[in-house]
Amino acid sequence: MFKYELGTIIETKKPHVCGGYNWEIIRMGADIKLQCQKCNRVIMLSRSDLEKRIKKIL
């Protein structure tokens, strides 16, 4: 299990459509809102989905 908080940059296993791997956590709760560091797209994932997609915390 990873430890993360607001403002944390994470790297995912698979790239976003734009080719970026790095995401910033911008909202936390039951769901977590992430912003792509390359194209600034915002997505929301459940905690369980995020745990599956994280490669490492930067």
N, C-alpha and C. Protein backbone atom coordinates (compact mmCIF):
# COMPACT_ATOMS: atom_id res chain seq x y z
N MET A 1 0.85 -1.19 0.00
CA MET A 1 0.00 0.00 0.00
C MET A 1 0.88 1.24 0.00
N PHE A 2 0.55 2.19 -0.87
CA PHE A 2 1.32 3.41 -1.01
C PHE A 2 0.79 4.50 -0.08
N LYS A 3 1.68 5.37 0.37
CA LYS A 3 1.29 6.55 1.15
C LYS A 3 1.33 7.75 0.22
N TYR A 4 0.21 8.46 0.12
CA TYR A 4 0.18 9.64 -0.72
C TYR A 4 -0.75 10.68 -0.11
N GLU A 5 -0.54 11.94 -0.52
CA GLU A 5 -1.34 13.05 -0.02
C GLU A 5 -1.48 14.08 -1.13
N LEU A 6 -2.16 15.17 -0.86
CA LEU A 6 -2.35 16.21 -1.86
C LEU A 6 -1.01 16.73 -2.36
N GLY A 7 -0.91 16.92 -3.66
CA GLY A 7 0.31 17.45 -4.25
C GLY A 7 1.35 16.40 -4.59
N THR A 8 1.10 15.15 -4.22
CA THR A 8 2.05 14.07 -4.51
C THR A 8 2.04 13.77 -6.01
N ILE A 9 3.21 13.56 -6.58
CA ILE A 9 3.34 13.17 -7.98
C ILE A 9 3.54 11.66 -8.02
N ILE A 10 2.73 10.98 -8.83
CA ILE A 10 2.84 9.53 -8.96
C ILE A 10 3.15 9.16 -10.41
N GLU A 11 3.75 8.00 -10.60
CA GLU A 11 4.01 7.48 -11.94
C GLU A 11 3.16 6.24 -12.12
N THR A 12 2.46 6.16 -13.26
CA THR A 12 1.59 5.02 -13.55
C THR A 12 2.31 3.98 -14.40
N LYS A 13 1.77 2.77 -14.40
CA LYS A 13 2.35 1.67 -15.17
C LYS A 13 2.18 1.89 -16.68
N LYS A 14 1.01 2.39 -17.08
CA LYS A 14 0.73 2.64 -18.49
C LYS A 14 0.63 4.14 -18.74
N PRO A 15 1.01 4.59 -19.94
CA PRO A 15 0.95 6.03 -20.22
C PRO A 15 -0.48 6.51 -20.49
N HIS A 16 -0.68 7.80 -20.29
CA HIS A 16 -1.91 8.47 -20.67
C HIS A 16 -1.90 8.58 -22.19
N VAL A 17 -3.01 8.91 -22.79
CA VAL A 17 -3.11 9.03 -24.25
C VAL A 17 -2.08 10.03 -24.80
N CYS A 18 -1.78 11.07 -24.04
CA CYS A 18 -0.81 12.08 -24.47
C CYS A 18 0.63 11.58 -24.39
N GLY A 19 0.86 10.46 -23.72
CA GLY A 19 2.19 9.91 -23.58
C GLY A 19 2.83 10.15 -22.23
N GLY A 20 2.14 10.87 -21.35
CA GLY A 20 2.69 11.16 -20.02
C GLY A 20 2.41 10.06 -19.02
N TYR A 21 3.38 9.85 -18.14
CA TYR A 21 3.24 8.84 -17.08
C TYR A 21 3.01 9.47 -15.71
N ASN A 22 3.29 10.76 -15.55
CA ASN A 22 3.26 11.41 -14.24
C ASN A 22 1.95 12.14 -14.00
N TRP A 23 1.40 11.96 -12.79
CA TRP A 23 0.14 12.56 -12.39
C TRP A 23 0.30 13.21 -11.02
N GLU A 24 -0.41 14.31 -10.79
CA GLU A 24 -0.41 14.98 -9.49
C GLU A 24 -1.77 14.76 -8.84
N ILE A 25 -1.76 14.43 -7.55
CA ILE A 25 -3.00 14.26 -6.80
C ILE A 25 -3.50 15.65 -6.42
N ILE A 26 -4.72 16.01 -6.88
CA ILE A 26 -5.25 17.34 -6.60
C ILE A 26 -6.49 17.31 -5.71
N ARG A 27 -7.05 16.13 -5.44
CA ARG A 27 -8.20 16.00 -4.53
C ARG A 27 -8.23 14.59 -4.00
N MET A 28 -8.53 14.48 -2.70
CA MET A 28 -8.63 13.16 -2.08
C MET A 28 -9.96 13.04 -1.35
N GLY A 29 -10.46 11.83 -1.31
CA GLY A 29 -11.71 11.50 -0.64
C GLY A 29 -11.98 10.04 -0.92
N ALA A 30 -13.23 9.68 -1.13
CA ALA A 30 -13.55 8.31 -1.53
C ALA A 30 -12.94 8.03 -2.90
N ASP A 31 -12.98 9.05 -3.77
CA ASP A 31 -12.32 8.99 -5.07
C ASP A 31 -11.14 9.95 -5.03
N ILE A 32 -10.17 9.72 -5.90
CA ILE A 32 -8.99 10.58 -5.96
C ILE A 32 -8.94 11.23 -7.33
N LYS A 33 -8.76 12.55 -7.34
CA LYS A 33 -8.68 13.31 -8.59
C LYS A 33 -7.22 13.52 -8.93
N LEU A 34 -6.86 13.18 -10.18
CA LEU A 34 -5.49 13.29 -10.67
C LEU A 34 -5.42 14.24 -11.86
N GLN A 35 -4.30 14.95 -11.97
CA GLN A 35 -4.07 15.83 -13.11
C GLN A 35 -2.80 15.39 -13.83
N CYS A 36 -2.91 15.15 -15.13
CA CYS A 36 -1.76 14.74 -15.94
C CYS A 36 -0.76 15.89 -15.98
N GLN A 37 0.51 15.58 -15.77
CA GLN A 37 1.55 16.61 -15.75
C GLN A 37 1.97 17.04 -17.15
N LYS A 38 1.59 16.29 -18.17
CA LYS A 38 1.98 16.63 -19.54
C LYS A 38 0.90 17.45 -20.25
N CYS A 39 -0.38 17.02 -20.15
CA CYS A 39 -1.45 17.71 -20.90
C CYS A 39 -2.48 18.40 -19.99
N ASN A 40 -2.34 18.27 -18.68
CA ASN A 40 -3.22 18.89 -17.67
C ASN A 40 -4.64 18.35 -17.65
N ARG A 41 -4.90 17.19 -18.25
CA ARG A 41 -6.21 16.55 -18.19
C ARG A 41 -6.46 16.08 -16.77
N VAL A 42 -7.70 16.17 -16.31
CA VAL A 42 -8.07 15.76 -14.96
C VAL A 42 -8.97 14.53 -15.03
N ILE A 43 -8.65 13.52 -14.21
CA ILE A 43 -9.48 12.31 -14.12
C ILE A 43 -9.73 11.99 -12.66
N MET A 44 -10.76 11.19 -12.41
CA MET A 44 -11.04 10.70 -11.06
C MET A 44 -11.01 9.19 -11.06
N LEU A 45 -10.36 8.62 -10.05
CA LEU A 45 -10.27 7.17 -9.89
C LEU A 45 -10.63 6.81 -8.46
N SER A 46 -11.18 5.62 -8.29
CA SER A 46 -11.40 5.13 -6.93
C SER A 46 -10.03 4.75 -6.35
N ARG A 47 -9.95 4.67 -5.04
CA ARG A 47 -8.68 4.33 -4.39
C ARG A 47 -8.16 2.97 -4.85
N SER A 48 -9.06 2.01 -4.99
CA SER A 48 -8.63 0.67 -5.39
C SER A 48 -8.07 0.67 -6.82
N ASP A 49 -8.69 1.42 -7.73
CA ASP A 49 -8.17 1.52 -9.10
C ASP A 49 -6.80 2.20 -9.12
N LEU A 50 -6.65 3.24 -8.31
CA LEU A 50 -5.37 3.95 -8.26
C LEU A 50 -4.27 3.03 -7.74
N GLU A 51 -4.55 2.24 -6.71
CA GLU A 51 -3.56 1.31 -6.17
C GLU A 51 -3.06 0.34 -7.24
N LYS A 52 -3.94 -0.08 -8.13
CA LYS A 52 -3.57 -1.01 -9.20
C LYS A 52 -2.70 -0.34 -10.26
N ARG A 53 -2.89 0.96 -10.48
CA ARG A 53 -2.22 1.66 -11.59
C ARG A 53 -0.89 2.30 -11.20
N ILE A 54 -0.63 2.49 -9.90
CA ILE A 54 0.60 3.16 -9.47
C ILE A 54 1.82 2.27 -9.68
N LYS A 55 2.85 2.86 -10.28
CA LYS A 55 4.15 2.18 -10.40
C LYS A 55 5.06 2.62 -9.26
N LYS A 56 5.15 3.96 -9.07
CA LYS A 56 5.96 4.49 -7.96
C LYS A 56 5.54 5.92 -7.65
N ILE A 57 5.98 6.39 -6.49
CA ILE A 57 5.72 7.76 -6.06
C ILE A 57 7.00 8.55 -6.24
N LEU A 58 6.89 9.70 -6.91
CA LEU A 58 8.08 10.52 -7.19
C LEU A 58 8.28 11.58 -6.13
